[in-house]
Amino acid sequence: MKKCIVCEKELEEEDYDIGGKHLLCWNTLYDGIILKSCGNYGSVEYDPMDGVSEYLELALCDKCLVVKGHLIQRCQEVKKKKDAVYKCVENFVEYKERIAKGDYIGRGKKKT
């Protein structure tokens, strides 16, 4: 059981049965999302420097995702030759409005 970082609502982790075995999906929640961070250069509180073997994990319930959506940036990978660069393109509220209009790819076009 994980708790939302904002409202502390308990979020149930998804589970399922395969071949008679009960399995827990370690990173899938009902009514919420999992966020991970390997640290950030400049943080005085958390920057483990290796960025591979450890990370911080937090949960955010869907309600708080919507309520705080104006503060959350949706970013996407932009390929620059051989390196990947991430560019923040819209906040979560703008994303939800675009999806509601049927624009699933973010270029003013409807997915066919």
PDB file of N, CA and C in Angstrom:
ATOM      1  N   MET A   1       0.856  -1.179   0.000  1.00  0.00           N
ATOM      2  CA  MET A   1       0.000   0.000   0.000  1.00  0.00           C
ATOM      3  C   MET A   1       0.898   1.236   0.000  1.00  0.00           C
ATOM      4  N   LYS A   2       0.628   2.130  -0.913  1.00  0.00           N
ATOM      5  CA  LYS A   2       1.372   3.392  -0.989  1.00  0.00           C
ATOM      6  C   LYS A   2       0.421   4.532  -0.674  1.00  0.00           C
ATOM      7  N   LYS A   3       0.970   5.672  -0.273  1.00  0.00           N
ATOM      8  CA  LYS A   3       0.154   6.845   0.034  1.00  0.00           C
ATOM      9  C   LYS A   3       0.510   7.988  -0.904  1.00  0.00           C
ATOM     10  N   CYS A   4      -0.506   8.752  -1.286  1.00  0.00           N
ATOM     11  CA  CYS A   4      -0.317   9.928  -2.131  1.00  0.00           C
ATOM     12  C   CYS A   4       0.566  10.942  -1.397  1.00  0.00           C
ATOM     13  N   ILE A   5       1.536  11.496  -2.088  1.00  0.00           N
ATOM     14  CA  ILE A   5       2.464  12.465  -1.513  1.00  0.00           C
ATOM     15  C   ILE A   5       1.757  13.761  -1.114  1.00  0.00           C
ATOM     16  N   VAL A   6       0.609  14.072  -1.710  1.00  0.00           N
ATOM     17  CA  VAL A   6      -0.100  15.323  -1.424  1.00  0.00           C
ATOM     18  C   VAL A   6      -1.143  15.135  -0.322  1.00  0.00           C
ATOM     19  N   CYS A   7      -2.094  14.224  -0.529  1.00  0.00           N
ATOM     20  CA  CYS A   7      -3.229  14.096   0.398  1.00  0.00           C
ATOM     21  C   CYS A   7      -3.113  12.903   1.347  1.00  0.00           C
ATOM     22  N   GLU A   8      -2.122  12.047   1.128  1.00  0.00           N
ATOM     23  CA  GLU A   8      -1.865  10.855   1.929  1.00  0.00           C
ATOM     24  C   GLU A   8      -2.947   9.780   1.821  1.00  0.00           C
ATOM     25  N   LYS A   9      -3.778   9.854   0.771  1.00  0.00           N
ATOM     26  CA  LYS A   9      -4.752   8.790   0.520  1.00  0.00           C
ATOM     27  C   LYS A   9      -3.995   7.494   0.262  1.00  0.00           C
ATOM     28  N   GLU A  10      -4.493   6.396   0.824  1.00  0.00           N
ATOM     29  CA  GLU A  10      -3.885   5.101   0.565  1.00  0.00           C
ATOM     30  C   GLU A  10      -4.283   4.621  -0.822  1.00  0.00           C
ATOM     31  N   LEU A  11      -3.304   4.210  -1.591  1.00  0.00           N
ATOM     32  CA  LEU A  11      -3.522   3.747  -2.962  1.00  0.00           C
ATOM     33  C   LEU A  11      -3.200   2.267  -3.044  1.00  0.00           C
ATOM     34  N   GLU A  12      -4.142   1.537  -3.576  1.00  0.00           N
ATOM     35  CA  GLU A  12      -3.987   0.091  -3.685  1.00  0.00           C
ATOM     36  C   GLU A  12      -3.123  -0.243  -4.898  1.00  0.00           C
ATOM     37  N   GLU A  13      -2.169  -1.132  -4.679  1.00  0.00           N
ATOM     38  CA  GLU A  13      -1.320  -1.586  -5.772  1.00  0.00           C
ATOM     39  C   GLU A  13      -2.047  -2.671  -6.556  1.00  0.00           C
ATOM     40  N   GLU A  14      -1.901  -2.635  -7.856  1.00  0.00           N
ATOM     41  CA  GLU A  14      -2.569  -3.618  -8.720  1.00  0.00           C
ATOM     42  C   GLU A  14      -1.965  -4.993  -8.495  1.00  0.00           C
ATOM     43  N   ASP A  15      -2.815  -5.976  -8.504  1.00  0.00           N
ATOM     44  CA  ASP A  15      -2.343  -7.346  -8.387  1.00  0.00           C
ATOM     45  C   ASP A  15      -3.147  -8.251  -9.320  1.00  0.00           C
ATOM     46  N   TYR A  16      -2.641  -9.417  -9.576  1.00  0.00           N
ATOM     47  CA  TYR A  16      -3.313 -10.348 -10.468  1.00  0.00           C
ATOM     48  C   TYR A  16      -2.795 -11.758 -10.224  1.00  0.00           C
ATOM     49  N   ASP A  17      -3.498 -12.735 -10.768  1.00  0.00           N
ATOM     50  CA  ASP A  17      -3.105 -14.134 -10.655  1.00  0.00           C
ATOM     51  C   ASP A  17      -2.664 -14.660 -12.022  1.00  0.00           C
ATOM     52  N   ILE A  18      -1.525 -15.345 -12.026  1.00  0.00           N
ATOM     53  CA  ILE A  18      -1.036 -15.999 -13.245  1.00  0.00           C
ATOM     54  C   ILE A  18      -0.653 -17.423 -12.871  1.00  0.00           C
ATOM     55  N   GLY A  19      -1.275 -18.357 -13.532  1.00  0.00           N
ATOM     56  CA  GLY A  19      -0.962 -19.764 -13.283  1.00  0.00           C
ATOM     57  C   GLY A  19      -1.113 -20.176 -11.831  1.00  0.00           C
ATOM     58  N   GLY A  20      -2.114 -19.610 -11.157  1.00  0.00           N
ATOM     59  CA  GLY A  20      -2.356 -19.956  -9.763  1.00  0.00           C
ATOM     60  C   GLY A  20      -1.478 -19.215  -8.770  1.00  0.00           C
ATOM     61  N   LYS A  21      -0.593 -18.346  -9.263  1.00  0.00           N
ATOM     62  CA  LYS A  21       0.282 -17.565  -8.378  1.00  0.00           C
ATOM     63  C   LYS A  21      -0.235 -16.137  -8.286  1.00  0.00           C
ATOM     64  N   HIS A  22      -0.301 -15.626  -7.074  1.00  0.00           N
ATOM     65  CA  HIS A  22      -0.754 -14.252  -6.840  1.00  0.00           C
ATOM     66  C   HIS A  22       0.451 -13.324  -6.952  1.00  0.00           C
ATOM     67  N   LEU A  23       0.386 -12.365  -7.867  1.00  0.00           N
ATOM     68  CA  LEU A  23       1.503 -11.448  -8.101  1.00  0.00           C
ATOM     69  C   LEU A  23       1.078 -10.016  -7.827  1.00  0.00           C
ATOM     70  N   LEU A  24       1.989  -9.220  -7.322  1.00  0.00           N
ATOM     71  CA  LEU A  24       1.756  -7.808  -7.055  1.00  0.00           C
ATOM     72  C   LEU A  24       2.560  -6.996  -8.059  1.00  0.00           C
ATOM     73  N   CYS A  25       1.911  -6.063  -8.753  1.00  0.00           N
ATOM     74  CA  CYS A  25       2.622  -5.183  -9.682  1.00  0.00           C
ATOM     75  C   CYS A  25       3.285  -4.085  -8.852  1.00  0.00           C
ATOM     76  N   TRP A  26       4.581  -4.089  -8.757  1.00  0.00           N
ATOM     77  CA  TRP A  26       5.287  -3.188  -7.852  1.00  0.00           C
ATOM     78  C   TRP A  26       5.189  -1.720  -8.237  1.00  0.00           C
ATOM     79  N   ASN A  27       4.835  -1.403  -9.469  1.00  0.00           N
ATOM     80  CA  ASN A  27       4.793   0.004  -9.858  1.00  0.00           C
ATOM     81  C   ASN A  27       3.478   0.398 -10.533  1.00  0.00           C
ATOM     82  N   THR A  28       2.407  -0.303 -10.248  1.00  0.00           N
ATOM     83  CA  THR A  28       1.115   0.009 -10.844  1.00  0.00           C
ATOM     84  C   THR A  28       0.089   0.201  -9.746  1.00  0.00           C
ATOM     85  N   LEU A  29      -0.585   1.344  -9.764  1.00  0.00           N
ATOM     86  CA  LEU A  29      -1.581   1.673  -8.745  1.00  0.00           C
ATOM     87  C   LEU A  29      -2.952   1.818  -9.375  1.00  0.00           C
ATOM     88  N   TYR A  30      -3.972   1.530  -8.573  1.00  0.00           N
ATOM     89  CA  TYR A  30      -5.327   1.897  -8.953  1.00  0.00           C
ATOM     90  C   TYR A  30      -5.500   3.363  -8.554  1.00  0.00           C
ATOM     91  N   ASP A  31      -6.045   4.181  -9.410  1.00  0.00           N
ATOM     92  CA  ASP A  31      -6.346   5.590  -9.115  1.00  0.00           C
ATOM     93  C   ASP A  31      -5.128   6.423  -8.756  1.00  0.00           C
ATOM     94  N   GLY A  32      -3.991   6.160  -9.396  1.00  0.00           N
ATOM     95  CA  GLY A  32      -2.814   6.968  -9.125  1.00  0.00           C
ATOM     96  C   GLY A  32      -1.654   6.574 -10.006  1.00  0.00           C
ATOM     97  N   ILE A  33      -0.552   7.311  -9.852  1.00  0.00           N
ATOM     98  CA  ILE A  33       0.660   7.032 -10.616  1.00  0.00           C
ATOM     99  C   ILE A  33       1.860   6.982  -9.670  1.00  0.00           C
ATOM    100  N   ILE A  34       2.920   6.318 -10.128  1.00  0.00           N
ATOM    101  CA  ILE A  34       4.185   6.234  -9.401  1.00  0.00           C
ATOM    102  C   ILE A  34       5.177   7.149 -10.120  1.00  0.00           C
ATOM    103  N   LEU A  35       5.904   7.924  -9.365  1.00  0.00           N
ATOM    104  CA  LEU A  35       6.949   8.790  -9.911  1.00  0.00           C
ATOM    105  C   LEU A  35       8.279   8.390  -9.292  1.00  0.00           C
ATOM    106  N   LYS A  36       9.344   8.428 -10.100  1.00  0.00           N
ATOM    107  CA  LYS A  36      10.670   8.051  -9.623  1.00  0.00           C
ATOM    108  C   LYS A  36      11.659   9.164  -9.943  1.00  0.00           C
ATOM    109  N   SER A  37      12.652   9.314  -9.076  1.00  0.00           N
ATOM    110  CA  SER A  37      13.723  10.263  -9.323  1.00  0.00           C
ATOM    111  C   SER A  37      15.048   9.654  -8.883  1.00  0.00           C
ATOM    112  N   CYS A  38      16.027   9.749  -9.751  1.00  0.00           N
ATOM    113  CA  CYS A  38      17.375   9.279  -9.421  1.00  0.00           C
ATOM    114  C   CYS A  38      18.202  10.388  -8.784  1.00  0.00           C
ATOM    115  N   GLY A  39      17.551  11.463  -8.405  1.00  0.00           N
ATOM    116  CA  GLY A  39      18.245  12.593  -7.802  1.00  0.00           C
ATOM    117  C   GLY A  39      18.374  13.724  -8.794  1.00  0.00           C
ATOM    118  N   ASN A  40      19.010  14.757  -8.347  1.00  0.00           N
ATOM    119  CA  ASN A  40      19.153  15.935  -9.177  1.00  0.00           C
ATOM    120  C   ASN A  40      20.415  16.677  -8.760  1.00  0.00           C
ATOM    121  N   TYR A  41      21.275  16.945  -9.723  1.00  0.00           N
ATOM    122  CA  TYR A  41      22.466  17.724  -9.428  1.00  0.00           C
ATOM    123  C   TYR A  41      22.021  19.076  -8.879  1.00  0.00           C
ATOM    124  N   GLY A  42      22.504  19.425  -7.750  1.00  0.00           N
ATOM    125  CA  GLY A  42      22.113  20.685  -7.127  1.00  0.00           C
ATOM    126  C   GLY A  42      21.244  20.489  -5.901  1.00  0.00           C
ATOM    127  N   SER A  43      20.611  19.333  -5.780  1.00  0.00           N
ATOM    128  CA  SER A  43      19.814  19.076  -4.588  1.00  0.00           C
ATOM    129  C   SER A  43      20.753  18.862  -3.403  1.00  0.00           C
ATOM    130  N   VAL A  44      20.493  19.552  -2.315  1.00  0.00           N
ATOM    131  CA  VAL A  44      21.306  19.332  -1.120  1.00  0.00           C
ATOM    132  C   VAL A  44      20.749  18.190  -0.286  1.00  0.00           C
ATOM    133  N   GLU A  45      19.545  17.703  -0.648  1.00  0.00           N
ATOM    134  CA  GLU A  45      18.906  16.638   0.115  1.00  0.00           C
ATOM    135  C   GLU A  45      19.059  15.259  -0.513  1.00  0.00           C
ATOM    136  N   TYR A  46      19.031  15.168  -1.849  1.00  0.00           N
ATOM    137  CA  TYR A  46      19.101  13.847  -2.474  1.00  0.00           C
ATOM    138  C   TYR A  46      19.766  13.929  -3.840  1.00  0.00           C
ATOM    139  N   ASP A  47      20.980  13.435  -3.913  1.00  0.00           N
ATOM    140  CA  ASP A  47      21.702  13.305  -5.171  1.00  0.00           C
ATOM    141  C   ASP A  47      22.746  12.211  -4.994  1.00  0.00           C
ATOM    142  N   PRO A  48      22.337  10.930  -5.189  1.00  0.00           N
ATOM    143  CA  PRO A  48      23.241   9.816  -4.913  1.00  0.00           C
ATOM    144  C   PRO A  48      24.422   9.697  -5.865  1.00  0.00           C
ATOM    145  N   MET A  49      24.461  10.473  -6.918  1.00  0.00           N
ATOM    146  CA  MET A  49      25.577  10.581  -7.863  1.00  0.00           C
ATOM    147  C   MET A  49      25.708   9.433  -8.850  1.00  0.00           C
ATOM    148  N   ASP A  50      25.286   8.212  -8.532  1.00  0.00           N
ATOM    149  CA  ASP A  50      25.423   7.157  -9.530  1.00  0.00           C
ATOM    150  C   ASP A  50      24.206   7.076 -10.434  1.00  0.00           C
ATOM    151  N   GLY A  51      23.037   7.492  -9.928  1.00  0.00           N
ATOM    152  CA  GLY A  51      21.834   7.580 -10.741  1.00  0.00           C
ATOM    153  C   GLY A  51      21.312   6.268 -11.294  1.00  0.00           C
ATOM    154  N   VAL A  52      21.888   5.160 -10.878  1.00  0.00           N
ATOM    155  CA  VAL A  52      21.478   3.884 -11.442  1.00  0.00           C
ATOM    156  C   VAL A  52      20.928   2.933 -10.386  1.00  0.00           C
ATOM    157  N   SER A  53      21.635   2.786  -9.299  1.00  0.00           N
ATOM    158  CA  SER A  53      21.290   1.731  -8.351  1.00  0.00           C
ATOM    159  C   SER A  53      20.262   2.126  -7.303  1.00  0.00           C
ATOM    160  N   GLU A  54      19.889   3.395  -7.220  1.00  0.00           N
ATOM    161  CA  GLU A  54      18.879   3.791  -6.260  1.00  0.00           C
ATOM    162  C   GLU A  54      18.079   4.968  -6.777  1.00  0.00           C
ATOM    163  N   TYR A  55      16.893   5.143  -6.220  1.00  0.00           N
ATOM    164  CA  TYR A  55      16.030   6.244  -6.611  1.00  0.00           C
ATOM    165  C   TYR A  55      15.004   6.490  -5.519  1.00  0.00           C
ATOM    166  N   LEU A  56      14.387   7.641  -5.558  1.00  0.00           N
ATOM    167  CA  LEU A  56      13.253   7.936  -4.695  1.00  0.00           C
ATOM    168  C   LEU A  56      11.990   7.614  -5.472  1.00  0.00           C
ATOM    169  N   GLU A  57      10.978   7.110  -4.777  1.00  0.00           N
ATOM    170  CA  GLU A  57       9.716   6.775  -5.409  1.00  0.00           C
ATOM    171  C   GLU A  57       8.594   7.414  -4.603  1.00  0.00           C
ATOM    172  N   LEU A  58       7.640   7.990  -5.303  1.00  0.00           N
ATOM    173  CA  LEU A  58       6.479   8.550  -4.619  1.00  0.00           C
ATOM    174  C   LEU A  58       5.236   8.262  -5.425  1.00  0.00           C
ATOM    175  N   ALA A  59       4.102   8.315  -4.737  1.00  0.00           N
ATOM    176  CA  ALA A  59       2.811   8.060  -5.375  1.00  0.00           C
ATOM    177  C   ALA A  59       2.015   9.360  -5.411  1.00  0.00           C
ATOM    178  N   LEU A  60       1.219   9.521  -6.443  1.00  0.00           N
ATOM    179  CA  LEU A  60       0.349  10.678  -6.602  1.00  0.00           C
ATOM    180  C   LEU A  60      -1.006  10.161  -7.057  1.00  0.00           C
ATOM    181  N   CYS A  61      -2.047  10.433  -6.270  1.00  0.00           N
ATOM    182  CA  CYS A  61      -3.375   9.939  -6.640  1.00  0.00           C
ATOM    183  C   CYS A  61      -3.923  10.751  -7.820  1.00  0.00           C
ATOM    184  N   ASP A  62      -4.865  10.165  -8.548  1.00  0.00           N
ATOM    185  CA  ASP A  62      -5.426  10.831  -9.722  1.00  0.00           C
ATOM    186  C   ASP A  62      -6.083  12.165  -9.378  1.00  0.00           C
ATOM    187  N   LYS A  63      -6.754  12.245  -8.233  1.00  0.00           N
ATOM    188  CA  LYS A  63      -7.411  13.489  -7.834  1.00  0.00           C
ATOM    189  C   LYS A  63      -6.385  14.607  -7.650  1.00  0.00           C
ATOM    190  N   CYS A  64      -5.295  14.322  -6.950  1.00  0.00           N
ATOM    191  CA  CYS A  64      -4.258  15.341  -6.743  1.00  0.00           C
ATOM    192  C   CYS A  64      -3.520  15.657  -8.043  1.00  0.00           C
ATOM    193  N   LEU A  65      -3.398  14.685  -8.930  1.00  0.00           N
ATOM    194  CA  LEU A  65      -2.803  14.926 -10.242  1.00  0.00           C
ATOM    195  C   LEU A  65      -3.603  15.980 -10.990  1.00  0.00           C
ATOM    196  N   VAL A  66      -4.922  15.891 -10.927  1.00  0.00           N
ATOM    197  CA  VAL A  66      -5.786  16.865 -11.596  1.00  0.00           C
ATOM    198  C   VAL A  66      -5.743  18.215 -10.874  1.00  0.00           C
ATOM    199  N   VAL A  67      -5.862  18.185  -9.539  1.00  0.00           N
ATOM    200  CA  VAL A  67      -5.884  19.427  -8.763  1.00  0.00           C
ATOM    201  C   VAL A  67      -4.564  20.188  -8.902  1.00  0.00           C
ATOM    202  N   LYS A  68      -3.459  19.492  -8.916  1.00  0.00           N
ATOM    203  CA  LYS A  68      -2.135  20.120  -9.014  1.00  0.00           C
ATOM    204  C   LYS A  68      -1.595  20.132 -10.444  1.00  0.00           C
ATOM    205  N   GLY A  69      -2.445  19.805 -11.413  1.00  0.00           N
ATOM    206  CA  GLY A  69      -2.016  19.693 -12.802  1.00  0.00           C
ATOM    207  C   GLY A  69      -1.363  20.927 -13.375  1.00  0.00           C
ATOM    208  N   HIS A  70      -1.753  22.100 -12.894  1.00  0.00           N
ATOM    209  CA  HIS A  70      -1.147  23.335 -13.397  1.00  0.00           C
ATOM    210  C   HIS A  70       0.326  23.455 -12.985  1.00  0.00           C
ATOM    211  N   LEU A  71       0.758  22.662 -12.020  1.00  0.00           N
ATOM    212  CA  LEU A  71       2.145  22.682 -11.551  1.00  0.00           C
ATOM    213  C   LEU A  71       2.989  21.559 -12.139  1.00  0.00           C
ATOM    214  N   ILE A  72       2.344  20.643 -12.853  1.00  0.00           N
ATOM    215  CA  ILE A  72       3.019  19.447 -13.366  1.00  0.00           C
ATOM    216  C   ILE A  72       3.276  19.610 -14.853  1.00  0.00           C
ATOM    217  N   GLN A  73       4.514  19.423 -15.261  1.00  0.00           N
ATOM    218  CA  GLN A  73       4.892  19.559 -16.660  1.00  0.00           C
ATOM    219  C   GLN A  73       4.930  18.203 -17.347  1.00  0.00           C
ATOM    220  N   ARG A  74       4.363  18.138 -18.549  1.00  0.00           N
ATOM    221  CA  ARG A  74       4.469  16.942 -19.392  1.00  0.00           C
ATOM    222  C   ARG A  74       5.641  17.170 -20.329  1.00  0.00           C
ATOM    223  N   CYS A  75       6.598  16.267 -20.287  1.00  0.00           N
ATOM    224  CA  CYS A  75       7.797  16.396 -21.106  1.00  0.00           C
ATOM    225  C   CYS A  75       7.880  15.205 -22.049  1.00  0.00           C
ATOM    226  N   GLN A  76       8.590  15.408 -23.130  1.00  0.00           N
ATOM    227  CA  GLN A  76       8.760  14.306 -24.070  1.00  0.00           C
ATOM    228  C   GLN A  76      10.185  14.292 -24.586  1.00  0.00           C
ATOM    229  N   GLU A  77      10.604  13.106 -25.015  1.00  0.00           N
ATOM    230  CA  GLU A  77      11.950  12.925 -25.522  1.00  0.00           C
ATOM    231  C   GLU A  77      12.057  13.499 -26.927  1.00  0.00           C
ATOM    232  N   VAL A  78      13.113  14.259 -27.148  1.00  0.00           N
ATOM    233  CA  VAL A  78      13.403  14.807 -28.468  1.00  0.00           C
ATOM    234  C   VAL A  78      14.788  14.292 -28.853  1.00  0.00           C
ATOM    235  N   LYS A  79      14.854  13.566 -29.946  1.00  0.00           N
ATOM    236  CA  LYS A  79      16.139  13.006 -30.374  1.00  0.00           C
ATOM    237  C   LYS A  79      17.000  14.100 -31.002  1.00  0.00           C
ATOM    238  N   LYS A  80      18.207  14.226 -30.507  1.00  0.00           N
ATOM    239  CA  LYS A  80      19.203  15.150 -31.054  1.00  0.00           C
ATOM    240  C   LYS A  80      20.431  14.322 -31.415  1.00  0.00           C
ATOM    241  N   LYS A  81      20.523  13.965 -32.677  1.00  0.00           N
ATOM    242  CA  LYS A  81      21.571  13.076 -33.167  1.00  0.00           C
ATOM    243  C   LYS A  81      21.562  11.790 -32.348  1.00  0.00           C
ATOM    244  N   LYS A  82      22.597  11.510 -31.574  1.00  0.00           N
ATOM    245  CA  LYS A  82      22.613  10.269 -30.807  1.00  0.00           C
ATOM    246  C   LYS A  82      22.143  10.459 -29.368  1.00  0.00           C
ATOM    247  N   ASP A  83      21.988  11.687 -28.922  1.00  0.00           N
ATOM    248  CA  ASP A  83      21.578  11.949 -27.543  1.00  0.00           C
ATOM    249  C   ASP A  83      20.083  12.224 -27.457  1.00  0.00           C
ATOM    250  N   ALA A  84      19.507  11.852 -26.341  1.00  0.00           N
ATOM    251  CA  ALA A  84      18.096  12.148 -26.083  1.00  0.00           C
ATOM    252  C   ALA A  84      18.013  13.371 -25.178  1.00  0.00           C
ATOM    253  N   VAL A  85      17.162  14.285 -25.541  1.00  0.00           N
ATOM    254  CA  VAL A  85      16.930  15.488 -24.753  1.00  0.00           C
ATOM    255  C   VAL A  85      15.452  15.517 -24.414  1.00  0.00           C
ATOM    256  N   TYR A  86      15.121  15.911 -23.197  1.00  0.00           N
ATOM    257  CA  TYR A  86      13.721  15.999 -22.804  1.00  0.00           C
ATOM    258  C   TYR A  86      13.299  17.456 -22.784  1.00  0.00           C
ATOM    259  N   LYS A  87      12.156  17.712 -23.389  1.00  0.00           N
ATOM    260  CA  LYS A  87      11.634  19.070 -23.494  1.00  0.00           C
ATOM    261  C   LYS A  87      10.242  19.094 -22.870  1.00  0.00           C
ATOM    262  N   CYS A  88      10.010  20.026 -21.953  1.00  0.00           N
ATOM    263  CA  CYS A  88       8.679  20.173 -21.372  1.00  0.00           C
ATOM    264  C   CYS A  88       7.822  20.958 -22.348  1.00  0.00           C
ATOM    265  N   VAL A  89       6.684  20.385 -22.697  1.00  0.00           N
ATOM    266  CA  VAL A  89       5.882  20.946 -23.774  1.00  0.00           C
ATOM    267  C   VAL A  89       4.548  21.539 -23.336  1.00  0.00           C
ATOM    268  N   GLU A  90       4.044  21.138 -22.175  1.00  0.00           N
ATOM    269  CA  GLU A  90       2.766  21.663 -21.701  1.00  0.00           C
ATOM    270  C   GLU A  90       2.573  21.241 -20.256  1.00  0.00           C
ATOM    271  N   ASN A  91       1.682  21.935 -19.550  1.00  0.00           N
ATOM    272  CA  ASN A  91       1.375  21.454 -18.206  1.00  0.00           C
ATOM    273  C   ASN A  91       0.252  20.429 -18.298  1.00  0.00           C
ATOM    274  N   PHE A  92      -0.032  19.763 -17.201  1.00  0.00           N
ATOM    275  CA  PHE A  92      -0.987  18.664 -17.220  1.00  0.00           C
ATOM    276  C   PHE A  92      -2.400  19.129 -17.563  1.00  0.00           C
ATOM    277  N   VAL A  93      -2.774  20.326 -17.129  1.00  0.00           N
ATOM    278  CA  VAL A  93      -4.104  20.870 -17.453  1.00  0.00           C
ATOM    279  C   VAL A  93      -4.234  21.050 -18.964  1.00  0.00           C
ATOM    280  N   GLU A  94      -3.213  21.615 -19.599  1.00  0.00           N
ATOM    281  CA  GLU A  94      -3.228  21.793 -21.060  1.00  0.00           C
ATOM    282  C   GLU A  94      -3.302  20.438 -21.766  1.00  0.00           C
ATOM    283  N   TYR A  95      -2.571  19.462 -21.240  1.00  0.00           N
ATOM    284  CA  TYR A  95      -2.594  18.113 -21.797  1.00  0.00           C
ATOM    285  C   TYR A  95      -4.010  17.536 -21.756  1.00  0.00           C
ATOM    286  N   LYS A  96      -4.666  17.616 -20.596  1.00  0.00           N
ATOM    287  CA  LYS A  96      -6.022  17.076 -20.450  1.00  0.00           C
ATOM    288  C   LYS A  96      -6.994  17.775 -21.400  1.00  0.00           C
ATOM    289  N   GLU A  97      -6.880  19.085 -21.549  1.00  0.00           N
ATOM    290  CA  GLU A  97      -7.753  19.835 -22.458  1.00  0.00           C
ATOM    291  C   GLU A  97      -7.533  19.397 -23.901  1.00  0.00           C
ATOM    292  N   ARG A  98      -6.275  19.176 -24.279  1.00  0.00           N
ATOM    293  CA  ARG A  98      -5.951  18.749 -25.641  1.00  0.00           C
ATOM    294  C   ARG A  98      -6.527  17.361 -25.913  1.00  0.00           C
ATOM    295  N   ILE A  99      -6.374  16.450 -24.963  1.00  0.00           N
ATOM    296  CA  ILE A  99      -6.901  15.095 -25.121  1.00  0.00           C
ATOM    297  C   ILE A  99      -8.427  15.129 -25.227  1.00  0.00           C
ATOM    298  N   ALA A 100      -9.072  15.971 -24.418  1.00  0.00           N
ATOM    299  CA  ALA A 100     -10.539  16.072 -24.450  1.00  0.00           C
ATOM    300  C   ALA A 100     -11.037  16.534 -25.819  1.00  0.00           C
ATOM    301  N   LYS A 101     -10.210  17.293 -26.538  1.00  0.00           N
ATOM    302  CA  LYS A 101     -10.564  17.764 -27.882  1.00  0.00           C
ATOM    303  C   LYS A 101     -10.258  16.708 -28.947  1.00  0.00           C
ATOM    304  N   GLY A 102      -9.664  15.591 -28.536  1.00  0.00           N
ATOM    305  CA  GLY A 102      -9.351  14.529 -29.486  1.00  0.00           C
ATOM    306  C   GLY A 102      -7.978  14.629 -30.105  1.00  0.00           C
ATOM    307  N   ASP A 103      -7.149  15.567 -29.645  1.00  0.00           N
ATOM    308  CA  ASP A 103      -5.796  15.728 -30.171  1.00  0.00           C
ATOM    309  C   ASP A 103      -4.847  14.869 -29.334  1.00  0.00           C
ATOM    310  N   TYR A 104      -4.606  13.646 -29.786  1.00  0.00           N
ATOM    311  CA  TYR A 104      -3.817  12.697 -29.007  1.00  0.00           C
ATOM    312  C   TYR A 104      -2.327  12.780 -29.273  1.00  0.00           C
ATOM    313  N   ILE A 105      -1.925  13.485 -30.309  1.00  0.00           N
ATOM    314  CA  ILE A 105      -0.489  13.526 -30.621  1.00  0.00           C
ATOM    315  C   ILE A 105       0.132  14.895 -30.410  1.00  0.00           C
ATOM    316  N   GLY A 106      -0.645  15.891 -30.015  1.00  0.00           N
ATOM    317  CA  GLY A 106      -0.082  17.181 -29.639  1.00  0.00           C
ATOM    318  C   GLY A 106       0.319  18.086 -30.773  1.00  0.00           C
ATOM    319  N   ARG A 107      -0.186  17.838 -31.945  1.00  0.00           N
ATOM    320  CA  ARG A 107       0.166  18.692 -33.086  1.00  0.00           C
ATOM    321  C   ARG A 107      -1.073  19.295 -33.734  1.00  0.00           C
ATOM    322  N   GLY A 108      -2.163  19.346 -32.965  1.00  0.00           N
ATOM    323  CA  GLY A 108      -3.395  19.914 -33.508  1.00  0.00           C
ATOM    324  C   GLY A 108      -4.138  18.952 -34.420  1.00  0.00           C
ATOM    325  N   LYS A 109      -3.660  17.733 -34.514  1.00  0.00           N
ATOM    326  CA  LYS A 109      -4.279  16.735 -35.388  1.00  0.00           C
ATOM    327  C   LYS A 109      -4.896  15.639 -34.546  1.00  0.00           C
ATOM    328  N   LYS A 110      -5.996  15.103 -35.001  1.00  0.00           N
ATOM    329  CA  LYS A 110      -6.629  13.984 -34.322  1.00  0.00           C
ATOM    330  C   LYS A 110      -5.991  12.685 -34.795  1.00  0.00           C
ATOM    331  N   LYS A 111      -5.797  11.774 -33.856  1.00  0.00           N
ATOM    332  CA  LYS A 111      -5.244  10.467 -34.198  1.00  0.00           C
ATOM    333  C   LYS A 111      -6.275   9.701 -35.010  1.00  0.00           C
ATOM    334  N   THR A 112      -5.825   9.078 -36.095  1.00  0.00           N
ATOM    335  CA  THR A 112      -6.747   8.320 -36.946  1.00  0.00           C
ATOM    336  C   THR A 112      -6.592   6.846 -36.741  1.00  0.00           C
TER     337      THR A 112
END
